[in-house]
Structure formats: C-alpha cells, structure tokens
Amino acid sequence: MDASMFDHKCTLIPHWVMDNVFEIRETFPHSSKKHPESQVTVEYRHQDGSNTTHQGWVTTTRFEKGRNDVMRLFIDHDVISNLMSDYRMTYLRSVERKQRGWNSPTAEKNIPFWEFLDIEYDSEKKRFIFVPHYRHLGFDPELFEHYEQAQDDEAPSWLRDALK
C-alpha cells in the first residue's frame, strides 16, 4: 500500500506494469484528467464481499529527452476514504511522517510493517480493480506520537471514533 495515495490521490504505474502486465501505454496517452479518454472506472472490493464503483483517471506526462514518461492513476475521494479505513496503519504512519518531518524511508524504518493492495486492470471495461489483501487491523497509539493530530475534518470516522 503506497501512502502517497493519501497525499496525492494517485499512484504511479511502474513501466514494467504499464508495458508488460496491463499493456496500457498507448491506451492512456493524455496528460489531462479532463480528457475523456483519461477516464476510467475504479472498482473497490470490500472485505465484506461487496463492491463499489468510483471514478478514476489515468494520465501520462511525457518528457522530451533524458527522462521516462510517468503514468499516474488518480482516484476519487471515496476510494481514498475506503483506503484510509482499510489501511489504518499506513494512514497513521503517513500522518506521523508528515508531523515529524520524516521522509518515507525513515517512517518505514521507525514504524515497520507492510500492507498490500492488489491493483488489477480489466482492459475491456477500462476498469481498475482494488483488492485489499494484507492489512493490519489494529494500531498501537504509542507508535504514533502525533496520531491525535489526525483528527481534523479530513480524518476518517473510524479514527475520530477511536480517539473519543
């Protein structure tokens, strides 16, 4: 699970996935989310077996020379809310990283754990499928010095409820 999804509402699609797994390099050539061909569907598969459908966008930033193109999958706020709820530890580590001024490797070294989100692609429907797999369900408040500062208006309801 990539914590930058909370901050940027997107994830990078690595070249080896773009070319060899999803085979989408030519499907999404546009740099704007506003372009109609950039629009995709995101299906979120919840742990209870239900599925919800959301909006997404795939953009490609192309560079002239010396740098590889960058493809990003952007996701709507409802997907972010689902990720915050399902990946609580990753979300809290993200808050802690920002409050302490850490970079991501430092945060992962000091608060070590892994969570896994499987992202699949259905080319016939231009649909990305998010399947939560390995998750940590609880959290130890002592690991997170600044977790109370995650209670702002953007904080997920499960966190505000847990801190009451």
C-alpha atoms as a PDB file:
ATOM      1  CA  MET A   1       0.000   0.000   0.000  1.00  0.00           C
ATOM      2  CA  ASP A   2       1.507   3.293  -1.127  1.00  0.00           C
ATOM      3  CA  ALA A   3       0.923   6.015   1.499  1.00  0.00           C
ATOM      4  CA  SER A   4       1.413   8.716  -1.115  1.00  0.00           C
ATOM      5  CA  MET A   5      -2.083   7.829  -2.317  1.00  0.00           C
ATOM      6  CA  PHE A   6      -3.424   9.657   0.755  1.00  0.00           C
ATOM      7  CA  ASP A   7      -1.467  12.823  -0.050  1.00  0.00           C
ATOM      8  CA  HIS A   8      -1.700  12.925  -3.826  1.00  0.00           C
ATOM      9  CA  LYS A   9      -4.847  10.880  -4.546  1.00  0.00           C
ATOM     10  CA  CYS A  10      -2.900   8.919  -7.130  1.00  0.00           C
ATOM     11  CA  THR A  11      -0.335   6.192  -7.578  1.00  0.00           C
ATOM     12  CA  LEU A  12       2.390   5.819 -10.151  1.00  0.00           C
ATOM     13  CA  ILE A  13       2.077   2.933 -12.581  1.00  0.00           C
ATOM     14  CA  PRO A  14       5.565   1.436 -12.985  1.00  0.00           C
ATOM     15  CA  HIS A  15       6.845   0.931 -16.518  1.00  0.00           C
ATOM     16  CA  TRP A  16       7.043  -2.847 -16.183  1.00  0.00           C
ATOM     17  CA  VAL A  17       3.351  -2.910 -15.148  1.00  0.00           C
ATOM     18  CA  MET A  18       2.321  -0.378 -17.794  1.00  0.00           C
ATOM     19  CA  ASP A  19       4.044  -2.315 -20.596  1.00  0.00           C
ATOM     20  CA  ASN A  20       4.157  -5.966 -19.545  1.00  0.00           C
ATOM     21  CA  VAL A  21       1.190  -6.507 -17.223  1.00  0.00           C
ATOM     22  CA  PHE A  22      -1.577  -4.007 -18.045  1.00  0.00           C
ATOM     23  CA  GLU A  23      -0.263  -3.169 -21.559  1.00  0.00           C
ATOM     24  CA  ILE A  24      -1.754   0.341 -21.385  1.00  0.00           C
ATOM     25  CA  ARG A  25       0.999   2.667 -22.592  1.00  0.00           C
ATOM     26  CA  GLU A  26      -0.930   3.569 -25.756  1.00  0.00           C
ATOM     27  CA  THR A  27      -4.371   3.445 -24.088  1.00  0.00           C
ATOM     28  CA  PHE A  28      -3.719   6.491 -21.897  1.00  0.00           C
ATOM     29  CA  PRO A  29      -1.537   8.993 -23.796  1.00  0.00           C
ATOM     30  CA  HIS A  30      -3.140  12.174 -22.438  1.00  0.00           C
ATOM     31  CA  SER A  31      -1.729  14.433 -19.741  1.00  0.00           C
ATOM     32  CA  SER A  32      -5.053  15.841 -18.516  1.00  0.00           C
ATOM     33  CA  LYS A  33      -7.659  14.223 -16.287  1.00  0.00           C
ATOM     34  CA  LYS A  34     -10.195  16.310 -18.198  1.00  0.00           C
ATOM     35  CA  HIS A  35      -9.595  14.422 -21.442  1.00  0.00           C
ATOM     36  CA  PRO A  36     -12.451  11.896 -21.910  1.00  0.00           C
ATOM     37  CA  GLU A  37     -10.029   9.093 -22.818  1.00  0.00           C
ATOM     38  CA  SER A  38      -8.304   9.523 -19.440  1.00  0.00           C
ATOM     39  CA  GLN A  39     -11.435   8.495 -17.532  1.00  0.00           C
ATOM     40  CA  VAL A  40     -11.596   5.013 -16.013  1.00  0.00           C
ATOM     41  CA  THR A  41     -13.721   3.148 -13.530  1.00  0.00           C
ATOM     42  CA  VAL A  42     -12.292   2.019 -10.186  1.00  0.00           C
ATOM     43  CA  GLU A  43     -13.986  -0.954  -8.562  1.00  0.00           C
ATOM     44  CA  TYR A  44     -13.263  -1.312  -4.859  1.00  0.00           C
ATOM     45  CA  ARG A  45     -13.702  -4.813  -3.455  1.00  0.00           C
ATOM     46  CA  HIS A  46     -14.555  -4.557   0.221  1.00  0.00           C
ATOM     47  CA  GLN A  47     -13.696  -7.151   2.833  1.00  0.00           C
ATOM     48  CA  ASP A  48     -17.396  -7.952   3.367  1.00  0.00           C
ATOM     49  CA  GLY A  49     -17.680  -9.117  -0.253  1.00  0.00           C
ATOM     50  CA  SER A  50     -19.449  -6.021  -1.584  1.00  0.00           C
ATOM     51  CA  ASN A  51     -18.081  -3.914  -4.434  1.00  0.00           C
ATOM     52  CA  THR A  52     -18.389  -0.192  -5.038  1.00  0.00           C
ATOM     53  CA  THR A  53     -17.694   1.696  -8.256  1.00  0.00           C
ATOM     54  CA  HIS A  54     -15.840   5.007  -8.421  1.00  0.00           C
ATOM     55  CA  GLN A  55     -14.238   7.415 -10.857  1.00  0.00           C
ATOM     56  CA  GLY A  56     -10.597   7.412 -11.774  1.00  0.00           C
ATOM     57  CA  TRP A  57      -8.303   8.952 -14.339  1.00  0.00           C
ATOM     58  CA  VAL A  58      -5.052   7.839 -15.940  1.00  0.00           C
ATOM     59  CA  THR A  59      -2.651  10.499 -17.177  1.00  0.00           C
ATOM     60  CA  THR A  60       0.746  10.329 -18.803  1.00  0.00           C
ATOM     61  CA  THR A  61       3.380  13.016 -18.504  1.00  0.00           C
ATOM     62  CA  ARG A  62       5.700  12.796 -21.484  1.00  0.00           C
ATOM     63  CA  PHE A  63       9.215  14.189 -21.443  1.00  0.00           C
ATOM     64  CA  GLU A  64      11.336  15.184 -24.425  1.00  0.00           C
ATOM     65  CA  LYS A  65      14.723  13.669 -23.574  1.00  0.00           C
ATOM     66  CA  GLY A  66      16.536  12.162 -20.669  1.00  0.00           C
ATOM     67  CA  ARG A  67      13.516  11.147 -18.584  1.00  0.00           C
ATOM     68  CA  ASN A  68      10.999   8.356 -18.894  1.00  0.00           C
ATOM     69  CA  ASP A  69       7.304   9.081 -19.257  1.00  0.00           C
ATOM     70  CA  VAL A  70       5.311   8.987 -15.997  1.00  0.00           C
ATOM     71  CA  MET A  71       1.858   7.368 -15.857  1.00  0.00           C
ATOM     72  CA  ARG A  72      -0.405   8.008 -12.865  1.00  0.00           C
ATOM     73  CA  LEU A  73      -3.718   6.519 -11.765  1.00  0.00           C
ATOM     74  CA  PHE A  74      -5.778   9.175  -9.961  1.00  0.00           C
ATOM     75  CA  ILE A  75      -8.623   8.103  -7.679  1.00  0.00           C
ATOM     76  CA  ASP A  76     -11.652   9.921  -6.295  1.00  0.00           C
ATOM     77  CA  HIS A  77     -12.187  10.891  -2.656  1.00  0.00           C
ATOM     78  CA  ASP A  78     -14.436   7.903  -1.903  1.00  0.00           C
ATOM     79  CA  VAL A  79     -11.640   5.499  -2.828  1.00  0.00           C
ATOM     80  CA  ILE A  80      -9.286   7.450  -0.550  1.00  0.00           C
ATOM     81  CA  SER A  81     -11.830   7.099   2.284  1.00  0.00           C
ATOM     82  CA  ASN A  82     -12.002   3.337   1.690  1.00  0.00           C
ATOM     83  CA  LEU A  83      -8.204   3.108   1.726  1.00  0.00           C
ATOM     84  CA  MET A  84      -7.995   5.135   4.963  1.00  0.00           C
ATOM     85  CA  SER A  85     -10.439   2.746   6.581  1.00  0.00           C
ATOM     86  CA  ASP A  86      -8.903  -0.479   5.272  1.00  0.00           C
ATOM     87  CA  TYR A  87      -5.259   0.587   5.673  1.00  0.00           C
ATOM     88  CA  ARG A  88      -5.352   2.296   9.035  1.00  0.00           C
ATOM     89  CA  MET A  89      -1.738   1.667   9.960  1.00  0.00           C
ATOM     90  CA  THR A  90      -0.449   3.026   6.656  1.00  0.00           C
ATOM     91  CA  TYR A  91      -2.640   6.101   7.047  1.00  0.00           C
ATOM     92  CA  LEU A  92      -1.427   6.734  10.607  1.00  0.00           C
ATOM     93  CA  ARG A  93       2.197   6.259   9.594  1.00  0.00           C
ATOM     94  CA  SER A  94       1.593   8.809   6.824  1.00  0.00           C
ATOM     95  CA  VAL A  95       0.269  11.330   9.373  1.00  0.00           C
ATOM     96  CA  GLU A  96       3.201  10.615  11.677  1.00  0.00           C
ATOM     97  CA  ARG A  97       5.692  11.022   8.808  1.00  0.00           C
ATOM     98  CA  LYS A  98       4.343  14.477   7.990  1.00  0.00           C
ATOM     99  CA  GLN A  99       4.211  15.637  11.625  1.00  0.00           C
ATOM    100  CA  ARG A 100       7.780  14.557  12.333  1.00  0.00           C
ATOM    101  CA  GLY A 101       9.147  15.843   9.029  1.00  0.00           C
ATOM    102  CA  TRP A 102      10.370  12.386   8.045  1.00  0.00           C
ATOM    103  CA  ASN A 103      10.823  11.112   4.535  1.00  0.00           C
ATOM    104  CA  SER A 104       9.109   7.820   3.651  1.00  0.00           C
ATOM    105  CA  PRO A 105      12.148   5.531   4.200  1.00  0.00           C
ATOM    106  CA  THR A 106      12.654   6.999   7.686  1.00  0.00           C
ATOM    107  CA  ALA A 107       8.984   6.479   8.568  1.00  0.00           C
ATOM    108  CA  GLU A 108       9.096   2.888   7.315  1.00  0.00           C
ATOM    109  CA  LYS A 109      12.280   2.218   9.317  1.00  0.00           C
ATOM    110  CA  ASN A 110      10.856   3.641  12.566  1.00  0.00           C
ATOM    111  CA  ILE A 111       7.348   2.216  12.189  1.00  0.00           C
ATOM    112  CA  PRO A 112       7.982  -1.007  10.241  1.00  0.00           C
ATOM    113  CA  PHE A 113       5.168  -3.067   8.744  1.00  0.00           C
ATOM    114  CA  TRP A 114       3.793  -3.867   5.303  1.00  0.00           C
ATOM    115  CA  GLU A 115       0.277  -3.793   3.902  1.00  0.00           C
ATOM    116  CA  PHE A 116      -0.676  -4.934   0.419  1.00  0.00           C
ATOM    117  CA  LEU A 117      -3.225  -3.552  -2.042  1.00  0.00           C
ATOM    118  CA  ASP A 118      -3.663  -5.538  -5.257  1.00  0.00           C
ATOM    119  CA  ILE A 119      -4.490  -3.325  -8.247  1.00  0.00           C
ATOM    120  CA  GLU A 120      -5.762  -5.211 -11.268  1.00  0.00           C
ATOM    121  CA  TYR A 121      -6.830  -3.904 -14.680  1.00  0.00           C
ATOM    122  CA  ASP A 122      -9.701  -5.009 -16.946  1.00  0.00           C
ATOM    123  CA  SER A 123      -8.861  -3.666 -20.412  1.00  0.00           C
ATOM    124  CA  GLU A 124     -12.289  -4.439 -21.912  1.00  0.00           C
ATOM    125  CA  LYS A 125     -14.040  -2.164 -19.396  1.00  0.00           C
ATOM    126  CA  LYS A 126     -11.187   0.324 -18.741  1.00  0.00           C
ATOM    127  CA  ARG A 127     -11.597  -0.627 -15.093  1.00  0.00           C
ATOM    128  CA  PHE A 128      -9.059  -0.794 -12.306  1.00  0.00           C
ATOM    129  CA  ILE A 129      -9.924  -3.201  -9.507  1.00  0.00           C
ATOM    130  CA  PHE A 130      -8.652  -2.532  -5.988  1.00  0.00           C
ATOM    131  CA  VAL A 131      -8.492  -5.657  -3.842  1.00  0.00           C
ATOM    132  CA  PRO A 132      -7.288  -5.162  -0.252  1.00  0.00           C
ATOM    133  CA  HIS A 133      -5.231  -8.115   0.913  1.00  0.00           C
ATOM    134  CA  TYR A 134      -2.690  -7.968   3.702  1.00  0.00           C
ATOM    135  CA  ARG A 135      -3.765  -5.371   6.290  1.00  0.00           C
ATOM    136  CA  HIS A 136      -3.053  -4.551   9.931  1.00  0.00           C
ATOM    137  CA  LEU A 137      -6.374  -4.026  11.666  1.00  0.00           C
ATOM    138  CA  GLY A 138      -5.297  -2.568  14.990  1.00  0.00           C
ATOM    139  CA  PHE A 139      -2.850   0.119  15.931  1.00  0.00           C
ATOM    140  CA  ASP A 140      -0.655   0.888  18.925  1.00  0.00           C
ATOM    141  CA  PRO A 141      -1.039   4.581  19.858  1.00  0.00           C
ATOM    142  CA  GLU A 142       2.424   4.536  21.442  1.00  0.00           C
ATOM    143  CA  LEU A 143       3.990   4.095  17.996  1.00  0.00           C
ATOM    144  CA  PHE A 144       2.348   7.296  16.811  1.00  0.00           C
ATOM    145  CA  GLU A 145       3.374  10.395  18.720  1.00  0.00           C
ATOM    146  CA  HIS A 146       1.143  12.641  16.600  1.00  0.00           C
ATOM    147  CA  TYR A 147      -1.869  10.436  15.953  1.00  0.00           C
ATOM    148  CA  GLU A 148      -4.208  12.824  17.769  1.00  0.00           C
ATOM    149  CA  GLN A 149      -3.447  15.450  15.121  1.00  0.00           C
ATOM    150  CA  ALA A 150      -5.049  13.119  12.568  1.00  0.00           C
ATOM    151  CA  GLN A 151      -8.462  14.052  13.984  1.00  0.00           C
ATOM    152  CA  ASP A 152      -9.079  17.023  11.696  1.00  0.00           C
ATOM    153  CA  ASP A 153     -12.065  17.262   9.355  1.00  0.00           C
ATOM    154  CA  GLU A 154     -10.294  15.102   6.771  1.00  0.00           C
ATOM    155  CA  ALA A 155      -9.699  12.263   9.237  1.00  0.00           C
ATOM    156  CA  PRO A 156     -11.712   9.112   8.654  1.00  0.00           C
ATOM    157  CA  SER A 157     -14.607   8.490  11.022  1.00  0.00           C
ATOM    158  CA  TRP A 158     -13.032   5.278  12.421  1.00  0.00           C
ATOM    159  CA  LEU A 159     -10.085   7.337  13.677  1.00  0.00           C
ATOM    160  CA  ARG A 160     -12.191  10.108  15.216  1.00  0.00           C
ATOM    161  CA  ASP A 161     -14.339   7.436  16.922  1.00  0.00           C
ATOM    162  CA  ALA A 162     -11.298   5.535  18.226  1.00  0.00           C
ATOM    163  CA  LEU A 163      -9.869   8.662  19.803  1.00  0.00           C
ATOM    164  CA  LYS A 164     -13.027   9.743  21.647  1.00  0.00           C
END
